[in-house]
Amino acid sequence: MKFGLLFRPQDPPDAKNIRRRWQEILRASELAEDVGFDGLFVPEHHMLDDGYLPAPLIGMAAIAARTRRVDVGSTILLSPLYNPVQLAEHAAMIDVISGGRLILGCGLGNYAPEFELMGRSKSNQVALFEEGIRIMRRLWTGEELDYESDVYRFKGRIRPLPGNIRLWMGAQSVPGVKRAARLGAPWPTDPLHSIHVIADWARVYRETAEEYGTLPQTSVALLRDGWVADDMDAVEREWWSCIRAEHWFYISQIPRWDEEREPFLAGVKEEKDLTFAGHHVDRLVVGNPEQCIETIRRFESIVGNDYLIMTLRMAAGPDHGKELEAIHRFGTEVIVGYRSGG
């Protein structure tokens, strides 16, 4: 199994020090590569006061320039917001610059104001997504397009061509995982749903891929949040308040949560109702190195993922010094321990 690290390029509340945060991310990228991570990833959102990354392609290019070996990717780039020809060109350039290390993880997006900002309609996001994927795949083969649809009209080709772009498709629903399977793309999960919900979706994903004959092109990248420390008390003390705020934001904003499938939500009406004991067992990779390895193996046995992408530092922290400590410890103790059979 490969191990990735997802960065959160945020500086709450007002992005006053976002330049410093990016310097921290680039230093952390070098360290993560040195201690054994296999991939480095960035997200995408727009209009957020804390500077949450609106330009993931530029972020990926910066990380690619500071590293030599690791995959460089997006989880998740909101591809319906882009002109697919320009996105295909920019992705091809990053793949060329990085020496074939690009993973372009694309998703629908779920925040209507982001579509309004880009002059797009969220109502046809699925059509925009699928059409854009088809166009990019054709362009990356070197095909010269003479293409017209209700939305797009393109004539020409792109150069230079990429060497090895891997296209992933994010999803947080049954229709979404079926779409990824039908289109023959690896599926990066979300970090929020419990491992059992993810496992149910993984089963649907593989069954659909079998139906469409795309199973050889499919795989699962499991996204999880976590922290490595001396013990659970240290995790709760150093990290829990940061992740609780982050998870509560999404739980309170995304209308897809089902209390029957996510029983931890019973009685949760505000952030303070989320407890570390009730939240971490099926959702987080936390504890000392041995506990982290045990959880990773348990999750892998349930989901069957071949990539694990971790987020360690959240928007609210911990600070950069602790972030570097956690990256170093995760690489030298958790990844090494996992690979040595620990």
Protein backbone atom coordinates (compact mmCIF):
# COMPACT_ATOMS: atom_id res chain seq x y z
CA MET A 1 0.00 0.00 0.00
CA LYS A 2 1.13 3.54 -0.78
CA PHE A 3 0.96 6.41 1.71
CA GLY A 4 0.04 9.99 0.84
CA LEU A 5 -0.20 13.28 2.71
CA LEU A 6 -2.94 15.84 2.03
CA PHE A 7 -2.13 19.44 2.95
CA ARG A 8 -4.65 22.07 4.05
CA PRO A 9 -3.36 25.43 2.69
CA GLN A 10 -5.34 27.55 5.16
CA ASP A 11 -4.49 30.39 7.53
CA PRO A 12 -7.56 31.28 9.59
CA PRO A 13 -9.22 33.61 10.09
CA ASP A 14 -8.13 35.99 7.30
CA ALA A 15 -5.14 34.47 5.44
CA LYS A 16 -2.88 37.19 6.83
CA ASN A 17 0.04 34.73 6.91
CA ILE A 18 -0.91 32.52 3.96
CA ARG A 19 2.47 33.11 2.31
CA ARG A 20 4.16 31.73 5.42
CA ARG A 21 1.77 28.77 5.42
CA TRP A 22 2.78 27.95 1.87
CA GLN A 23 6.46 28.05 2.79
CA GLU A 24 5.63 25.63 5.60
CA ILE A 25 3.85 23.31 3.17
CA LEU A 26 6.81 23.27 0.82
CA ARG A 27 9.21 22.47 3.67
CA ALA A 28 6.81 19.77 4.87
CA SER A 29 6.68 18.34 1.33
CA GLU A 30 10.44 17.84 1.27
CA LEU A 31 10.37 16.19 4.69
CA ALA A 32 7.47 13.90 3.78
CA GLU A 33 9.33 12.67 0.71
CA ASP A 34 12.46 12.08 2.76
CA VAL A 35 10.68 9.99 5.42
CA GLY A 36 8.87 7.67 3.03
CA PHE A 37 5.55 9.12 1.93
CA ASP A 38 4.62 8.17 -1.65
CA GLY A 39 2.35 11.08 -2.61
CA LEU A 40 1.53 14.69 -1.72
CA PHE A 41 -1.92 16.14 -2.38
CA VAL A 42 -3.82 19.43 -2.25
CA PRO A 43 -7.56 20.28 -2.29
CA GLU A 44 -9.59 23.06 -3.93
CA HIS A 45 -12.14 25.59 -2.68
CA HIS A 46 -12.92 29.21 -3.48
CA MET A 47 -13.85 32.44 -1.71
CA LEU A 48 -12.84 31.30 1.78
CA ASP A 49 -11.34 33.98 4.00
CA ASP A 50 -8.56 31.73 5.28
CA GLY A 51 -7.02 31.31 1.81
CA TYR A 52 -8.14 27.71 1.25
CA LEU A 53 -6.53 26.82 -2.05
CA PRO A 54 -8.36 28.25 -5.10
CA ALA A 55 -5.58 27.25 -7.53
CA PRO A 56 -4.58 23.61 -6.91
CA LEU A 57 -2.68 23.27 -10.19
CA ILE A 58 -0.28 26.01 -9.11
CA GLY A 59 0.08 24.38 -5.71
CA MET A 60 0.86 21.02 -7.32
CA ALA A 61 3.45 22.61 -9.61
CA ALA A 62 5.16 24.21 -6.61
CA ILE A 63 5.28 20.90 -4.73
CA ALA A 64 6.54 19.09 -7.84
CA ALA A 65 9.41 21.57 -8.11
CA ARG A 66 10.49 20.84 -4.52
CA THR A 67 10.33 17.04 -4.74
CA ARG A 68 11.85 14.29 -6.87
CA ARG A 69 10.04 11.01 -6.33
CA VAL A 70 6.55 11.34 -4.85
CA ASP A 71 3.22 11.45 -6.65
CA VAL A 72 1.83 14.99 -6.81
CA GLY A 73 -1.92 15.26 -6.93
CA SER A 74 -5.27 16.82 -6.17
CA THR A 75 -7.95 15.48 -3.85
CA ILE A 76 -10.13 16.98 -5.15
CA LEU A 77 -9.98 19.48 -8.03
CA LEU A 78 -13.44 20.76 -8.99
CA SER A 79 -13.25 20.02 -12.69
CA PRO A 80 -16.74 21.30 -13.73
CA LEU A 81 -15.45 24.80 -12.93
CA TYR A 82 -12.75 24.57 -15.63
CA ASN A 83 -12.50 24.81 -19.39
CA PRO A 84 -11.52 21.18 -20.11
CA VAL A 85 -8.99 22.06 -22.83
CA GLN A 86 -7.15 24.45 -20.54
CA LEU A 87 -7.30 21.96 -17.69
CA ALA A 88 -5.93 19.23 -19.97
CA GLU A 89 -3.07 21.52 -21.05
CA HIS A 90 -2.18 22.65 -17.53
CA ALA A 91 -2.29 19.10 -16.19
CA ALA A 92 -0.09 17.92 -19.06
CA MET A 93 2.48 20.60 -18.23
CA ILE A 94 2.60 19.59 -14.56
CA ASP A 95 3.03 15.97 -15.60
CA VAL A 96 5.90 16.95 -17.89
CA ILE A 97 7.57 19.17 -15.26
CA SER A 98 7.24 16.51 -12.57
CA GLY A 99 8.51 13.67 -14.73
CA GLY A 100 5.19 11.82 -14.94
CA ARG A 101 4.18 12.09 -11.28
CA LEU A 102 0.76 13.76 -11.62
CA ILE A 103 -2.46 12.35 -10.17
CA LEU A 104 -5.38 14.54 -11.22
CA GLY A 105 -8.17 13.81 -8.76
CA CYS A 106 -11.38 15.42 -10.05
CA GLY A 107 -14.79 15.81 -8.46
CA LEU A 108 -18.15 17.47 -8.93
CA GLY A 109 -18.09 20.05 -6.14
CA ASN A 110 -21.09 20.71 -3.91
CA TYR A 111 -21.01 24.43 -3.09
CA ALA A 112 -23.25 26.49 -5.39
CA PRO A 113 -21.46 29.86 -4.89
CA GLU A 114 -18.27 28.37 -6.37
CA PHE A 115 -20.17 27.62 -9.56
CA GLU A 116 -21.66 31.11 -9.58
CA LEU A 117 -18.18 32.61 -9.18
CA MET A 118 -17.04 30.82 -12.35
CA GLY A 119 -20.19 31.57 -14.32
CA ARG A 120 -21.32 27.94 -14.25
CA SER A 121 -24.58 26.34 -13.23
CA LYS A 122 -24.46 23.71 -10.51
CA SER A 123 -27.63 22.21 -11.98
CA ASN A 124 -25.67 20.61 -14.84
CA GLN A 125 -22.51 19.77 -12.89
CA VAL A 126 -22.71 16.04 -13.67
CA ALA A 127 -22.93 16.67 -17.42
CA LEU A 128 -20.07 19.19 -17.24
CA PHE A 129 -17.98 16.72 -15.26
CA GLU A 130 -18.47 13.73 -17.55
CA GLU A 131 -18.07 15.72 -20.75
CA GLY A 132 -14.93 17.36 -19.44
CA ILE A 133 -13.42 13.99 -18.51
CA ARG A 134 -14.10 12.59 -21.98
CA ILE A 135 -12.55 15.64 -23.67
CA MET A 136 -9.40 15.57 -21.52
CA ARG A 137 -8.84 11.87 -22.08
CA ARG A 138 -9.04 12.35 -25.84
CA LEU A 139 -6.69 15.34 -25.79
CA TRP A 140 -4.09 13.48 -23.72
CA THR A 141 -3.85 10.81 -26.43
CA GLY A 142 -2.77 13.47 -28.94
CA GLU A 143 -6.08 13.48 -30.82
CA GLU A 144 -6.97 16.58 -32.81
CA LEU A 145 -10.50 17.53 -31.84
CA ASP A 146 -13.28 18.87 -33.97
CA TYR A 147 -15.84 18.86 -31.20
CA GLU A 148 -19.16 20.55 -30.61
CA SER A 149 -21.86 20.03 -28.00
CA ASP A 150 -24.54 22.07 -26.28
CA VAL A 151 -21.87 23.43 -23.93
CA TYR A 152 -18.50 23.32 -25.71
CA ARG A 153 -17.01 23.89 -29.12
CA PHE A 154 -13.34 22.96 -29.56
CA LYS A 155 -11.11 22.54 -32.61
CA GLY A 156 -7.44 21.59 -32.32
CA ARG A 157 -5.03 19.66 -30.13
CA ILE A 158 -2.76 20.15 -27.13
CA ARG A 159 1.00 19.98 -26.88
CA PRO A 160 3.13 18.88 -25.13
CA LEU A 161 1.51 15.58 -24.33
CA PRO A 162 1.69 14.14 -20.82
CA GLY A 163 3.56 10.98 -20.08
CA ASN A 164 1.55 9.39 -17.31
CA ILE A 165 -1.42 11.38 -15.96
CA ARG A 166 -3.49 9.25 -13.60
CA LEU A 167 -7.08 10.47 -13.43
CA TRP A 168 -9.00 9.83 -10.21
CA MET A 169 -12.68 10.61 -9.56
CA GLY A 170 -13.83 11.60 -6.09
CA ALA A 171 -17.29 10.73 -4.80
CA GLN A 172 -19.29 10.88 -1.57
CA SER A 173 -22.44 9.02 -2.62
CA VAL A 174 -23.63 5.83 -4.28
CA PRO A 175 -24.29 7.60 -7.63
CA GLY A 176 -20.82 9.12 -7.42
CA VAL A 177 -18.96 5.86 -6.87
CA LYS A 178 -20.99 4.23 -9.63
CA ARG A 179 -19.94 7.05 -11.95
CA ALA A 180 -16.25 6.59 -11.11
CA ALA A 181 -16.55 2.86 -11.73
CA ARG A 182 -18.44 3.28 -15.00
CA LEU A 183 -15.80 5.72 -16.26
CA GLY A 184 -12.99 3.41 -15.18
CA ALA A 185 -11.22 5.64 -12.67
CA PRO A 186 -9.67 5.06 -9.24
CA TRP A 187 -11.83 6.42 -6.43
CA PRO A 188 -10.42 8.60 -3.62
CA THR A 189 -12.85 8.52 -0.69
CA ASP A 190 -13.71 11.38 1.64
CA PRO A 191 -12.13 11.51 5.14
CA LEU A 192 -15.36 12.10 7.05
CA HIS A 193 -17.64 9.09 6.64
CA SER A 194 -17.07 6.06 8.84
CA ILE A 195 -15.03 3.17 7.54
CA HIS A 196 -18.17 1.03 7.31
CA VAL A 197 -19.97 3.52 5.05
CA ILE A 198 -16.83 3.72 2.90
CA ALA A 199 -16.73 -0.09 2.76
CA ASP A 200 -20.35 -0.24 1.56
CA TRP A 201 -19.58 2.28 -1.17
CA ALA A 202 -16.41 0.38 -2.12
CA ARG A 203 -18.51 -2.75 -2.63
CA VAL A 204 -20.91 -0.84 -4.91
CA TYR A 205 -17.93 0.68 -6.74
CA ARG A 206 -16.38 -2.71 -7.47
CA GLU A 207 -19.69 -4.33 -8.42
CA THR A 208 -20.37 -1.52 -10.88
CA ALA A 209 -16.87 -1.77 -12.33
CA GLU A 210 -17.41 -5.49 -12.83
CA GLU A 211 -20.66 -4.75 -14.64
CA TYR A 212 -19.03 -2.23 -17.01
CA GLY A 213 -15.81 -4.17 -17.54
CA THR A 214 -13.65 -1.46 -15.97
CA LEU A 215 -12.43 -3.40 -12.91
CA PRO A 216 -8.76 -3.48 -14.05
CA GLN A 217 -8.72 0.35 -14.08
CA THR A 218 -10.19 0.75 -10.60
CA SER A 219 -8.70 1.07 -7.13
CA VAL A 220 -9.53 2.82 -3.86
CA ALA A 221 -7.52 5.58 -2.18
CA LEU A 222 -8.71 5.92 1.42
CA LEU A 223 -8.58 9.46 2.83
CA ARG A 224 -8.35 9.73 6.62
CA ASP A 225 -7.44 12.37 9.18
CA GLY A 226 -5.05 11.46 11.96
CA TRP A 227 -2.25 12.24 14.37
CA VAL A 228 0.62 10.25 15.84
CA ALA A 229 1.79 10.95 19.39
CA ASP A 230 2.95 9.06 22.48
CA ASP A 231 -0.56 7.99 23.46
CA MET A 232 -4.26 8.76 23.00
CA ASP A 233 -4.21 11.36 25.76
CA ALA A 234 -1.55 13.31 23.86
CA VAL A 235 -3.56 13.06 20.64
CA GLU A 236 -6.66 14.39 22.38
CA ARG A 237 -4.69 17.18 24.04
CA GLU A 238 -2.66 18.31 20.99
CA TRP A 239 -5.01 17.66 18.07
CA TRP A 240 -8.63 16.87 18.92
CA SER A 241 -9.87 20.47 19.20
CA CYS A 242 -8.46 21.20 15.71
CA ILE A 243 -10.12 18.24 14.02
CA ARG A 244 -13.38 18.59 15.94
CA ALA A 245 -13.87 22.10 14.56
CA GLU A 246 -13.10 20.90 11.04
CA HIS A 247 -15.41 17.90 11.14
CA TRP A 248 -18.24 19.84 12.74
CA PHE A 249 -18.09 22.39 9.92
CA TYR A 250 -18.68 19.69 7.31
CA ILE A 251 -21.20 17.72 9.36
CA SER A 252 -23.27 20.85 9.90
CA GLN A 253 -23.01 22.05 6.28
CA ILE A 254 -23.38 18.88 4.19
CA PRO A 255 -26.94 17.49 4.08
CA ARG A 256 -25.93 13.91 3.28
CA TRP A 257 -25.44 12.58 6.78
CA ASP A 258 -27.63 9.67 7.79
CA GLU A 259 -27.91 8.98 11.52
CA GLU A 260 -28.84 5.36 10.85
CA ARG A 261 -25.58 4.80 8.95
CA GLU A 262 -23.59 7.16 11.19
CA PRO A 263 -24.86 6.43 14.72
CA PHE A 264 -22.25 8.70 16.30
CA LEU A 265 -24.47 11.61 15.15
CA ALA A 266 -27.26 10.67 17.55
CA GLY A 267 -27.54 13.54 20.00
CA VAL A 268 -24.93 15.66 18.20
CA LYS A 269 -26.47 19.11 17.82
CA GLU A 270 -23.37 21.32 18.05
CA GLU A 271 -19.59 21.05 17.97
CA LYS A 272 -19.15 20.39 21.68
CA ASP A 273 -21.31 17.26 21.37
CA LEU A 274 -18.63 15.55 19.27
CA THR A 275 -16.43 13.47 21.57
CA PHE A 276 -13.02 12.02 20.85
CA ALA A 277 -14.00 8.61 22.25
CA GLY A 278 -17.11 8.42 20.10
CA HIS A 279 -15.52 9.76 16.94
CA HIS A 280 -12.13 8.19 16.38
CA VAL A 281 -12.69 4.43 16.30
CA ASP A 282 -14.18 4.13 12.80
CA ARG A 283 -12.95 7.39 11.35
CA LEU A 284 -9.48 8.52 12.47
CA VAL A 285 -5.93 7.11 12.42
CA VAL A 286 -4.65 8.19 15.83
CA GLY A 287 -2.52 7.12 18.76
CA ASN A 288 1.02 5.91 19.17
CA PRO A 289 2.74 4.35 16.15
CA GLU A 290 1.61 0.84 17.04
CA GLN A 291 -2.01 1.96 17.43
CA CYS A 292 -1.86 3.82 14.10
CA ILE A 293 -0.51 0.74 12.33
CA GLU A 294 -3.22 -1.44 13.88
CA THR A 295 -5.92 0.98 12.68
CA ILE A 296 -4.42 1.22 9.20
CA ARG A 297 -4.42 -2.57 8.87
CA ARG A 298 -7.99 -2.79 10.17
CA PHE A 299 -9.22 -0.15 7.73
CA GLU A 300 -7.34 -1.80 4.87
CA SER A 301 -8.94 -5.17 5.64
CA ILE A 302 -12.42 -3.58 5.62
CA VAL A 303 -12.09 -1.36 2.53
CA GLY A 304 -9.39 -3.03 0.41
CA ASN A 305 -7.65 0.25 -0.40
CA ASP A 306 -4.21 0.35 -1.99
CA TYR A 307 -3.47 4.00 -1.11
CA LEU A 308 -3.91 5.74 2.25
CA ILE A 309 -3.88 9.54 2.14
CA MET A 310 -3.55 11.20 5.54
CA THR A 311 -4.22 14.74 6.68
CA LEU A 312 -2.29 15.56 9.84
CA ARG A 313 -2.43 19.31 10.32
CA MET A 314 -5.85 20.93 10.08
CA ALA A 315 -6.76 24.59 9.48
CA ALA A 316 -6.61 25.34 13.21
CA GLY A 317 -3.35 23.51 13.81
CA PRO A 318 -1.35 22.11 15.49
CA ASP A 319 1.50 24.49 14.73
CA HIS A 320 4.16 23.91 12.08
CA GLY A 321 6.72 22.54 14.50
CA LYS A 322 4.33 19.86 15.68
CA GLU A 323 3.28 19.23 12.07
CA LEU A 324 6.88 18.45 11.11
CA GLU A 325 7.28 16.20 14.15
CA ALA A 326 4.13 14.29 13.22
CA ILE A 327 5.20 13.91 9.56
CA HIS A 328 8.61 12.64 10.62
CA ARG A 329 7.17 10.24 13.15
CA PHE A 330 4.47 8.97 10.81
CA GLY A 331 7.07 8.28 8.13
CA THR A 332 9.84 6.77 10.25
CA GLU A 333 7.66 4.85 12.69
CA VAL A 334 4.21 4.25 11.19
CA ILE A 335 5.05 3.74 7.49
CA VAL A 336 8.27 1.88 8.25
CA GLY A 337 6.51 -0.22 10.89
CA TYR A 338 3.64 -1.06 8.56
CA ARG A 339 5.99 -2.08 5.74
CA SER A 340 8.16 -4.18 8.02
CA GLY A 341 5.14 -6.12 9.23
CA GLY A 342 4.92 -4.34 12.57
